[in-house]
Amino acid sequence: MTEQPLDLTEEEPTADRLITLPQRFYTPTQVSVTTAERTERTRELMRGRIALVLTASLLILVVFTLLYVVLTPLPPDELVRVIQGVGATVLTPIVGLIGAVTGFYYGGQAAAQTVAAQAAARAGADGATSGRSTDS
């Protein structure tokens, strides 16, 4: 028995000639994330946490210092000494750390953007020079 090819251009096939495929339900899978992307995400998360901890500690320290100054009846000369002591021993290093973390974070982002822009400019320049003819 020889099979004849179906010509689907002339008429609709009859119901007995249609093929019904079984339906399967697939759960969506997550897109594969490379190790470098995972490392970069973890690094950014840690940077954010460090900045948050430093900023929160500065805020807590300032609030406790203000509460101490307001709630403790100190003579003005001792009050000045306490404020200077807290500022010199605790506030200055924390503010310096926050500045260093902020500078490192935004400096790293700016450096990455600069490298990407230079690579794009280089690729554009290479494309422009390869498109020129060398006929003189």
C-alpha atoms as a PDB file:
ATOM      1  CA  MET A   1       0.000   0.000   0.000  1.00  0.00           C
ATOM      2  CA  THR A   2       1.556   3.279  -1.064  1.00  0.00           C
ATOM      3  CA  GLU A   3       0.844   6.464   0.770  1.00  0.00           C
ATOM      4  CA  GLN A   4      -0.089   9.503  -1.192  1.00  0.00           C
ATOM      5  CA  PRO A   5       1.167  12.899  -0.022  1.00  0.00           C
ATOM      6  CA  LEU A   6      -1.464  15.127   1.502  1.00  0.00           C
ATOM      7  CA  ASP A   7      -2.326  18.240  -0.399  1.00  0.00           C
ATOM      8  CA  LEU A   8      -3.386  20.749   2.228  1.00  0.00           C
ATOM      9  CA  THR A   9      -3.854  23.624  -0.144  1.00  0.00           C
ATOM     10  CA  GLU A  10      -7.205  22.604  -1.603  1.00  0.00           C
ATOM     11  CA  GLU A  11      -9.426  21.514   1.250  1.00  0.00           C
ATOM     12  CA  GLU A  12      -9.584  21.121   4.995  1.00  0.00           C
ATOM     13  CA  PRO A  13      -8.588  17.653   6.211  1.00  0.00           C
ATOM     14  CA  THR A  14     -11.312  15.519   7.680  1.00  0.00           C
ATOM     15  CA  ALA A  15     -11.434  14.857  11.418  1.00  0.00           C
ATOM     16  CA  ASP A  16     -10.175  11.301  11.022  1.00  0.00           C
ATOM     17  CA  ARG A  17      -6.983  12.559   9.369  1.00  0.00           C
ATOM     18  CA  LEU A  18      -6.132  15.151  12.034  1.00  0.00           C
ATOM     19  CA  ILE A  19      -3.504  14.295  14.599  1.00  0.00           C
ATOM     20  CA  THR A  20      -3.978  15.439  18.178  1.00  0.00           C
ATOM     21  CA  LEU A  21      -0.797  15.791  20.179  1.00  0.00           C
ATOM     22  CA  PRO A  22      -0.900  15.091  23.901  1.00  0.00           C
ATOM     23  CA  GLN A  23      -0.763  18.217  26.030  1.00  0.00           C
ATOM     24  CA  ARG A  24       1.947  18.430  28.643  1.00  0.00           C
ATOM     25  CA  PHE A  25       2.262  21.090  31.265  1.00  0.00           C
ATOM     26  CA  TYR A  26       5.803  22.206  31.901  1.00  0.00           C
ATOM     27  CA  THR A  27       6.769  24.223  34.892  1.00  0.00           C
ATOM     28  CA  PRO A  28       8.851  27.221  33.903  1.00  0.00           C
ATOM     29  CA  THR A  29      12.494  26.886  34.768  1.00  0.00           C
ATOM     30  CA  GLN A  30      14.732  29.711  35.830  1.00  0.00           C
ATOM     31  CA  VAL A  31      17.160  31.090  33.362  1.00  0.00           C
ATOM     32  CA  SER A  32      20.654  29.828  33.925  1.00  0.00           C
ATOM     33  CA  VAL A  33      22.798  32.374  35.739  1.00  0.00           C
ATOM     34  CA  THR A  34      26.522  32.219  35.214  1.00  0.00           C
ATOM     35  CA  THR A  35      28.959  32.123  38.092  1.00  0.00           C
ATOM     36  CA  ALA A  36      30.278  35.586  37.234  1.00  0.00           C
ATOM     37  CA  GLU A  37      26.774  37.075  37.359  1.00  0.00           C
ATOM     38  CA  ARG A  38      26.070  35.341  40.669  1.00  0.00           C
ATOM     39  CA  THR A  39      29.362  36.632  42.082  1.00  0.00           C
ATOM     40  CA  GLU A  40      28.593  40.179  40.928  1.00  0.00           C
ATOM     41  CA  ARG A  41      25.121  40.063  42.494  1.00  0.00           C
ATOM     42  CA  THR A  42      26.556  38.805  45.780  1.00  0.00           C
ATOM     43  CA  ARG A  43      29.234  41.511  45.734  1.00  0.00           C
ATOM     44  CA  GLU A  44      26.656  44.247  45.152  1.00  0.00           C
ATOM     45  CA  LEU A  45      24.457  42.833  47.922  1.00  0.00           C
ATOM     46  CA  MET A  46      27.375  42.826  50.370  1.00  0.00           C
ATOM     47  CA  ARG A  47      28.377  46.368  49.429  1.00  0.00           C
ATOM     48  CA  GLY A  48      24.830  47.519  50.071  1.00  0.00           C
ATOM     49  CA  ARG A  49      24.731  45.755  53.423  1.00  0.00           C
ATOM     50  CA  ILE A  50      28.059  47.250  54.514  1.00  0.00           C
ATOM     51  CA  ALA A  51      26.895  50.738  53.552  1.00  0.00           C
ATOM     52  CA  LEU A  52      23.603  50.195  55.374  1.00  0.00           C
ATOM     53  CA  VAL A  53      25.313  48.955  58.551  1.00  0.00           C
ATOM     54  CA  LEU A  54      27.760  51.869  58.590  1.00  0.00           C
ATOM     55  CA  THR A  55      25.054  54.445  57.965  1.00  0.00           C
ATOM     56  CA  ALA A  56      22.775  52.907  60.610  1.00  0.00           C
ATOM     57  CA  SER A  57      25.598  52.848  63.149  1.00  0.00           C
ATOM     58  CA  LEU A  58      26.340  56.516  62.477  1.00  0.00           C
ATOM     59  CA  LEU A  59      22.684  57.400  62.887  1.00  0.00           C
ATOM     60  CA  ILE A  60      22.377  55.402  66.119  1.00  0.00           C
ATOM     61  CA  LEU A  61      25.538  56.962  67.513  1.00  0.00           C
ATOM     62  CA  VAL A  62      24.372  60.498  66.735  1.00  0.00           C
ATOM     63  CA  VAL A  63      20.942  59.834  68.295  1.00  0.00           C
ATOM     64  CA  PHE A  64      22.463  58.380  71.483  1.00  0.00           C
ATOM     65  CA  THR A  65      24.919  61.263  71.726  1.00  0.00           C
ATOM     66  CA  LEU A  66      22.107  63.786  71.397  1.00  0.00           C
ATOM     67  CA  LEU A  67      20.010  61.927  73.977  1.00  0.00           C
ATOM     68  CA  TYR A  68      22.957  61.869  76.382  1.00  0.00           C
ATOM     69  CA  VAL A  69      23.560  65.580  75.934  1.00  0.00           C
ATOM     70  CA  VAL A  70      19.901  66.475  76.386  1.00  0.00           C
ATOM     71  CA  LEU A  71      19.084  64.138  79.271  1.00  0.00           C
ATOM     72  CA  THR A  72      22.263  64.545  81.322  1.00  0.00           C
ATOM     73  CA  PRO A  73      22.595  67.815  83.221  1.00  0.00           C
ATOM     74  CA  LEU A  74      26.217  68.716  82.486  1.00  0.00           C
ATOM     75  CA  PRO A  75      27.927  72.052  82.933  1.00  0.00           C
ATOM     76  CA  PRO A  76      28.758  73.722  79.598  1.00  0.00           C
ATOM     77  CA  ASP A  77      32.507  73.069  79.807  1.00  0.00           C
ATOM     78  CA  GLU A  78      32.005  69.310  80.380  1.00  0.00           C
ATOM     79  CA  LEU A  79      29.346  69.216  77.662  1.00  0.00           C
ATOM     80  CA  VAL A  80      31.835  70.628  75.165  1.00  0.00           C
ATOM     81  CA  ARG A  81      34.437  68.095  76.292  1.00  0.00           C
ATOM     82  CA  VAL A  82      31.983  65.179  75.868  1.00  0.00           C
ATOM     83  CA  ILE A  83      30.919  66.300  72.409  1.00  0.00           C
ATOM     84  CA  GLN A  84      34.532  66.774  71.302  1.00  0.00           C
ATOM     85  CA  GLY A  85      35.521  63.384  72.720  1.00  0.00           C
ATOM     86  CA  VAL A  86      32.695  61.543  71.000  1.00  0.00           C
ATOM     87  CA  GLY A  87      33.321  63.404  67.761  1.00  0.00           C
ATOM     88  CA  ALA A  88      37.050  62.733  67.764  1.00  0.00           C
ATOM     89  CA  THR A  89      37.015  59.125  68.886  1.00  0.00           C
ATOM     90  CA  VAL A  90      33.878  57.692  67.306  1.00  0.00           C
ATOM     91  CA  LEU A  91      32.188  59.959  64.769  1.00  0.00           C
ATOM     92  CA  THR A  92      35.281  60.784  62.712  1.00  0.00           C
ATOM     93  CA  PRO A  93      36.259  57.175  61.943  1.00  0.00           C
ATOM     94  CA  ILE A  94      32.691  56.159  61.097  1.00  0.00           C
ATOM     95  CA  VAL A  95      32.204  59.146  58.785  1.00  0.00           C
ATOM     96  CA  GLY A  96      35.548  58.303  57.174  1.00  0.00           C
ATOM     97  CA  LEU A  97      34.468  54.688  56.655  1.00  0.00           C
ATOM     98  CA  ILE A  98      31.178  55.758  55.120  1.00  0.00           C
ATOM     99  CA  GLY A  99      33.050  58.101  52.787  1.00  0.00           C
ATOM    100  CA  ALA A 100      35.476  55.346  51.782  1.00  0.00           C
ATOM    101  CA  VAL A 101      32.688  52.835  51.117  1.00  0.00           C
ATOM    102  CA  THR A 102      30.693  55.366  49.126  1.00  0.00           C
ATOM    103  CA  GLY A 103      33.739  56.426  47.118  1.00  0.00           C
ATOM    104  CA  PHE A 104      34.734  52.825  46.439  1.00  0.00           C
ATOM    105  CA  TYR A 105      31.214  51.857  45.387  1.00  0.00           C
ATOM    106  CA  TYR A 106      30.541  54.795  43.082  1.00  0.00           C
ATOM    107  CA  GLY A 107      34.147  54.911  41.880  1.00  0.00           C
ATOM    108  CA  GLY A 108      33.917  51.242  40.881  1.00  0.00           C
ATOM    109  CA  GLN A 109      30.680  51.873  39.000  1.00  0.00           C
ATOM    110  CA  ALA A 110      32.157  54.893  37.207  1.00  0.00           C
ATOM    111  CA  ALA A 111      35.265  52.907  36.254  1.00  0.00           C
ATOM    112  CA  ALA A 112      33.131  50.070  34.847  1.00  0.00           C
ATOM    113  CA  GLN A 113      31.065  52.562  32.833  1.00  0.00           C
ATOM    114  CA  THR A 114      34.232  54.223  31.519  1.00  0.00           C
ATOM    115  CA  VAL A 115      35.698  50.895  30.420  1.00  0.00           C
ATOM    116  CA  ALA A 116      32.433  49.976  28.677  1.00  0.00           C
ATOM    117  CA  ALA A 117      32.282  53.358  26.924  1.00  0.00           C
ATOM    118  CA  GLN A 118      35.907  53.047  25.785  1.00  0.00           C
ATOM    119  CA  ALA A 119      35.261  49.542  24.461  1.00  0.00           C
ATOM    120  CA  ALA A 120      32.194  50.767  22.571  1.00  0.00           C
ATOM    121  CA  ALA A 121      34.135  53.714  21.146  1.00  0.00           C
ATOM    122  CA  ARG A 122      36.967  51.397  20.131  1.00  0.00           C
ATOM    123  CA  ALA A 123      34.508  49.012  18.454  1.00  0.00           C
ATOM    124  CA  GLY A 124      32.889  51.947  16.649  1.00  0.00           C
ATOM    125  CA  ALA A 125      36.256  53.249  15.508  1.00  0.00           C
ATOM    126  CA  ASP A 126      37.315  49.790  14.299  1.00  0.00           C
ATOM    127  CA  GLY A 127      34.059  49.455  12.361  1.00  0.00           C
ATOM    128  CA  ALA A 128      34.522  52.886  10.798  1.00  0.00           C
ATOM    129  CA  THR A 129      38.116  52.207   9.740  1.00  0.00           C
ATOM    130  CA  SER A 130      37.311  48.768   8.332  1.00  0.00           C
ATOM    131  CA  GLY A 131      34.541  50.284   6.205  1.00  0.00           C
ATOM    132  CA  ARG A 132      36.876  52.753   4.485  1.00  0.00           C
ATOM    133  CA  SER A 133      38.450  51.909   1.182  1.00  0.00           C
ATOM    134  CA  THR A 134      42.214  52.050   0.863  1.00  0.00           C
ATOM    135  CA  ASP A 135      42.162  53.125  -2.792  1.00  0.00           C
ATOM    136  CA  SER A 136      44.185  56.256  -3.468  1.00  0.00           C
END
